[in-house]
Amino acid sequence: MGFELLHSDAYRELNYGPAVKALTWFYEKVKIEVNKGKRGRNRYHFVNGKVSFTYKEAEHRGLSHRQFNKALKELYALGFIEVIKPGSALKGDWTEFAFSERWKTYGTLDFKNSEFPKSVVWRNFGFGSKLRRKKVKC
C-alpha cells in the first residue's frame, strides 16, 4: 500500500466528496503486522482482513445515512472495497467489508464491474407469540 492509489485512474474518478472521506476512514482501520526480524520498508505488512464500518460510525464522523450509502456504492464501483457479508440491519449484524485490488485495473478491459450487493432486511409479518420472518431483498 503506497502512493500508487493516489495516482490511479480510479482515484481520479472519485467525484463525490464523502466517498473520499470514507476511503480515508477505511484506511484508518488498516491492520498492519510488524515483522520483527526485518528492518526498513519490508518490516511492515498490510493485512487485508475484514473491516466493519457502520452507518452509526459514519454519522458520528459527520456523514448522513444517504451520503454514506452513496459513498459506499462509489467506492465499490471503483474497486476500492468489497462486501464480504451484507448486513441485515439487526443489532450486531452489520456489513463487513474488505479492501480490494480491483482499483488497479480500473479503466482497462480486465476491470470487473459488478452491482453493489443488496442488504438483507428482516420484517416481522407474524402476530402474537409466533413470529414468522420473511427474507426481503431491498
C-alpha atoms as a PDB file:
ATOM      1  CA  MET A   1       0.000   0.000   0.000  1.00  0.00           C
ATOM      2  CA  GLY A   2       1.692   3.145  -1.184  1.00  0.00           C
ATOM      3  CA  PHE A   3       1.123   6.278  -3.147  1.00  0.00           C
ATOM      4  CA  GLU A   4       0.095   4.334  -6.254  1.00  0.00           C
ATOM      5  CA  LEU A   5      -3.520   4.502  -5.048  1.00  0.00           C
ATOM      6  CA  LEU A   6      -3.457   8.315  -5.052  1.00  0.00           C
ATOM      7  CA  HIS A   7      -2.169   8.396  -8.631  1.00  0.00           C
ATOM      8  CA  SER A   8      -4.531   5.761 -10.035  1.00  0.00           C
ATOM      9  CA  ASP A   9      -7.293   6.278 -12.596  1.00  0.00           C
ATOM     10  CA  ALA A  10      -9.862   5.027 -10.095  1.00  0.00           C
ATOM     11  CA  TYR A  11      -8.873   7.669  -7.534  1.00  0.00           C
ATOM     12  CA  ARG A  12      -9.119  10.378 -10.201  1.00  0.00           C
ATOM     13  CA  GLU A  13     -12.667   9.190 -10.916  1.00  0.00           C
ATOM     14  CA  LEU A  14     -13.776   9.765  -7.307  1.00  0.00           C
ATOM     15  CA  ASN A  15     -16.030  12.774  -7.718  1.00  0.00           C
ATOM     16  CA  TYR A  16     -18.099  12.580  -4.535  1.00  0.00           C
ATOM     17  CA  GLY A  17     -16.514  14.279  -1.513  1.00  0.00           C
ATOM     18  CA  PRO A  18     -17.958  11.940   1.150  1.00  0.00           C
ATOM     19  CA  ALA A  19     -16.528   8.976  -0.806  1.00  0.00           C
ATOM     20  CA  VAL A  20     -13.027  10.415  -0.442  1.00  0.00           C
ATOM     21  CA  LYS A  21     -13.634  10.901   3.284  1.00  0.00           C
ATOM     22  CA  ALA A  22     -14.984   7.357   3.668  1.00  0.00           C
ATOM     23  CA  LEU A  23     -11.992   5.906   1.799  1.00  0.00           C
ATOM     24  CA  THR A  24      -9.667   7.735   4.171  1.00  0.00           C
ATOM     25  CA  TRP A  25     -11.597   6.428   7.165  1.00  0.00           C
ATOM     26  CA  PHE A  26     -11.465   2.886   5.777  1.00  0.00           C
ATOM     27  CA  TYR A  27      -7.685   3.135   5.541  1.00  0.00           C
ATOM     28  CA  GLU A  28      -7.536   4.319   9.150  1.00  0.00           C
ATOM     29  CA  LYS A  29      -8.812   0.851  10.027  1.00  0.00           C
ATOM     30  CA  VAL A  30      -5.990  -0.941   8.194  1.00  0.00           C
ATOM     31  CA  LYS A  31      -4.346  -3.658  10.231  1.00  0.00           C
ATOM     32  CA  ILE A  32      -0.584  -3.794   9.940  1.00  0.00           C
ATOM     33  CA  GLU A  33       1.649  -6.615  11.146  1.00  0.00           C
ATOM     34  CA  VAL A  34       5.242  -5.964  12.102  1.00  0.00           C
ATOM     35  CA  ASN A  35       7.895  -8.478  11.092  1.00  0.00           C
ATOM     36  CA  LYS A  36      10.404  -8.098  13.903  1.00  0.00           C
ATOM     37  CA  GLY A  37      13.138  -9.945  12.029  1.00  0.00           C
ATOM     38  CA  LYS A  38      13.339  -7.373   9.225  1.00  0.00           C
ATOM     39  CA  ARG A  39      14.257  -3.723   9.023  1.00  0.00           C
ATOM     40  CA  GLY A  40      13.296  -0.960   6.660  1.00  0.00           C
ATOM     41  CA  ARG A  41      10.369  -0.876   4.281  1.00  0.00           C
ATOM     42  CA  ASN A  42       9.722  -4.633   4.322  1.00  0.00           C
ATOM     43  CA  ARG A  43       9.237  -4.675   8.072  1.00  0.00           C
ATOM     44  CA  TYR A  44       5.546  -3.704   7.918  1.00  0.00           C
ATOM     45  CA  HIS A  45       2.975  -5.949   6.282  1.00  0.00           C
ATOM     46  CA  PHE A  46      -0.550  -4.870   5.322  1.00  0.00           C
ATOM     47  CA  VAL A  47      -3.202  -7.372   6.483  1.00  0.00           C
ATOM     48  CA  ASN A  48      -6.239  -7.411   4.204  1.00  0.00           C
ATOM     49  CA  GLY A  49      -8.863  -8.656   6.615  1.00  0.00           C
ATOM     50  CA  LYS A  50     -12.440  -7.812   7.388  1.00  0.00           C
ATOM     51  CA  VAL A  51     -13.296  -4.208   8.213  1.00  0.00           C
ATOM     52  CA  SER A  52     -16.524  -3.069   9.779  1.00  0.00           C
ATOM     53  CA  PHE A  53     -17.687   0.477   9.232  1.00  0.00           C
ATOM     54  CA  THR A  54     -21.223   1.111  10.400  1.00  0.00           C
ATOM     55  CA  TYR A  55     -23.667   3.831   9.452  1.00  0.00           C
ATOM     56  CA  LYS A  56     -23.653   4.925  13.102  1.00  0.00           C
ATOM     57  CA  GLU A  57     -19.899   5.459  12.948  1.00  0.00           C
ATOM     58  CA  ALA A  58     -20.206   7.409   9.686  1.00  0.00           C
ATOM     59  CA  GLU A  59     -22.925   9.537  11.261  1.00  0.00           C
ATOM     60  CA  HIS A  60     -20.646  10.215  14.218  1.00  0.00           C
ATOM     61  CA  ARG A  61     -17.986  11.422  11.750  1.00  0.00           C
ATOM     62  CA  GLY A  62     -20.435  13.785  10.052  1.00  0.00           C
ATOM     63  CA  LEU A  63     -21.967  11.861   7.143  1.00  0.00           C
ATOM     64  CA  SER A  64     -25.682  11.304   6.839  1.00  0.00           C
ATOM     65  CA  HIS A  65     -27.152   7.891   6.082  1.00  0.00           C
ATOM     66  CA  ARG A  66     -27.749   8.869   2.452  1.00  0.00           C
ATOM     67  CA  GLN A  67     -24.248  10.327   1.976  1.00  0.00           C
ATOM     68  CA  PHE A  68     -22.564   7.244   3.424  1.00  0.00           C
ATOM     69  CA  ASN A  69     -24.695   4.928   1.287  1.00  0.00           C
ATOM     70  CA  LYS A  70     -23.744   6.803  -1.883  1.00  0.00           C
ATOM     71  CA  ALA A  71     -20.074   6.870  -0.821  1.00  0.00           C
ATOM     72  CA  LEU A  72     -20.028   3.086  -0.263  1.00  0.00           C
ATOM     73  CA  LYS A  73     -21.555   2.445  -3.666  1.00  0.00           C
ATOM     74  CA  GLU A  74     -18.994   4.672  -5.380  1.00  0.00           C
ATOM     75  CA  LEU A  75     -16.066   3.064  -3.546  1.00  0.00           C
ATOM     76  CA  TYR A  76     -17.387  -0.362  -4.514  1.00  0.00           C
ATOM     77  CA  ALA A  77     -17.942   0.622  -8.159  1.00  0.00           C
ATOM     78  CA  LEU A  78     -14.378   1.942  -8.483  1.00  0.00           C
ATOM     79  CA  GLY A  79     -12.918  -1.197  -6.902  1.00  0.00           C
ATOM     80  CA  PHE A  80     -11.615   0.115  -3.570  1.00  0.00           C
ATOM     81  CA  ILE A  81     -13.753  -2.080  -1.306  1.00  0.00           C
ATOM     82  CA  GLU A  82     -15.550  -5.430  -1.469  1.00  0.00           C
ATOM     83  CA  VAL A  83     -18.591  -6.530   0.509  1.00  0.00           C
ATOM     84  CA  ILE A  84     -17.731  -9.727   2.369  1.00  0.00           C
ATOM     85  CA  LYS A  85     -21.046 -10.136   4.180  1.00  0.00           C
ATOM     86  CA  PRO A  86     -24.102  -7.914   3.694  1.00  0.00           C
ATOM     87  CA  GLY A  87     -25.730  -6.852   6.947  1.00  0.00           C
ATOM     88  CA  SER A  88     -29.362  -7.230   7.890  1.00  0.00           C
ATOM     89  CA  ALA A  89     -29.894  -4.023   9.911  1.00  0.00           C
ATOM     90  CA  LEU A  90     -30.403  -6.105  13.051  1.00  0.00           C
ATOM     91  CA  LYS A  91     -28.465  -5.279  16.179  1.00  0.00           C
ATOM     92  CA  GLY A  92     -24.906  -6.546  15.825  1.00  0.00           C
ATOM     93  CA  ASP A  93     -25.331  -7.757  12.234  1.00  0.00           C
ATOM     94  CA  TRP A  94     -23.570  -5.107  10.190  1.00  0.00           C
ATOM     95  CA  THR A  95     -21.970  -5.269   6.787  1.00  0.00           C
ATOM     96  CA  GLU A  96     -18.393  -6.497   6.650  1.00  0.00           C
ATOM     97  CA  PHE A  97     -16.024  -5.038   4.071  1.00  0.00           C
ATOM     98  CA  ALA A  98     -12.548  -5.872   2.806  1.00  0.00           C
ATOM     99  CA  PHE A  99     -10.087  -3.867   0.781  1.00  0.00           C
ATOM    100  CA  SER A 100      -9.942  -4.753  -2.884  1.00  0.00           C
ATOM    101  CA  GLU A 101      -7.227  -4.534  -5.503  1.00  0.00           C
ATOM    102  CA  ARG A 102      -9.740  -4.063  -8.349  1.00  0.00           C
ATOM    103  CA  TRP A 103      -8.925  -0.340  -8.490  1.00  0.00           C
ATOM    104  CA  LYS A 104      -5.566  -1.226 -10.072  1.00  0.00           C
ATOM    105  CA  THR A 105      -7.315  -2.486 -13.216  1.00  0.00           C
ATOM    106  CA  TYR A 106      -9.904   0.331 -13.382  1.00  0.00           C
ATOM    107  CA  GLY A 107     -10.213   1.726 -16.893  1.00  0.00           C
ATOM    108  CA  THR A 108      -8.871  -1.429 -18.543  1.00  0.00           C
ATOM    109  CA  LEU A 109     -10.606  -4.399 -20.101  1.00  0.00           C
ATOM    110  CA  ASP A 110      -9.622  -6.541 -17.109  1.00  0.00           C
ATOM    111  CA  PHE A 111     -11.746  -4.470 -14.698  1.00  0.00           C
ATOM    112  CA  LYS A 112     -14.702  -6.490 -13.398  1.00  0.00           C
ATOM    113  CA  ASN A 113     -17.651  -4.256 -12.614  1.00  0.00           C
ATOM    114  CA  SER A 114     -20.470  -5.700 -10.543  1.00  0.00           C
ATOM    115  CA  GLU A 115     -23.530  -4.332  -8.801  1.00  0.00           C
ATOM    116  CA  PHE A 116     -23.363  -3.391  -5.118  1.00  0.00           C
ATOM    117  CA  PRO A 117     -24.833  -6.289  -3.079  1.00  0.00           C
ATOM    118  CA  LYS A 118     -28.244  -5.662  -1.594  1.00  0.00           C
ATOM    119  CA  SER A 119     -28.574  -5.912   2.166  1.00  0.00           C
ATOM    120  CA  VAL A 120     -30.927  -8.415   3.719  1.00  0.00           C
ATOM    121  CA  VAL A 121     -33.829  -6.912   5.662  1.00  0.00           C
ATOM    122  CA  TRP A 122     -35.903  -8.965   8.066  1.00  0.00           C
ATOM    123  CA  ARG A 123     -39.505  -7.910   8.615  1.00  0.00           C
ATOM    124  CA  ASN A 124     -41.914  -9.415  11.089  1.00  0.00           C
ATOM    125  CA  PHE A 125     -45.153 -10.446   9.395  1.00  0.00           C
ATOM    126  CA  GLY A 126     -46.424 -12.610  12.272  1.00  0.00           C
ATOM    127  CA  PHE A 127     -48.914 -11.936  15.012  1.00  0.00           C
ATOM    128  CA  GLY A 128     -48.844 -12.927  18.669  1.00  0.00           C
ATOM    129  CA  SER A 129     -46.113 -15.167  20.018  1.00  0.00           C
ATOM    130  CA  LYS A 130     -45.440 -16.931  16.729  1.00  0.00           C
ATOM    131  CA  LEU A 131     -43.041 -14.874  14.709  1.00  0.00           C
ATOM    132  CA  ARG A 132     -42.745 -15.512  11.031  1.00  0.00           C
ATOM    133  CA  ARG A 133     -39.879 -13.835   9.308  1.00  0.00           C
ATOM    134  CA  LYS A 134     -39.720 -13.243   5.633  1.00  0.00           C
ATOM    135  CA  LYS A 135     -36.445 -12.508   3.910  1.00  0.00           C
ATOM    136  CA  VAL A 136     -36.912  -9.422   1.757  1.00  0.00           C
ATOM    137  CA  LYS A 137     -34.256  -8.031  -0.599  1.00  0.00           C
ATOM    138  CA  CYS A 138     -34.005  -4.262  -0.575  1.00  0.00           C
END
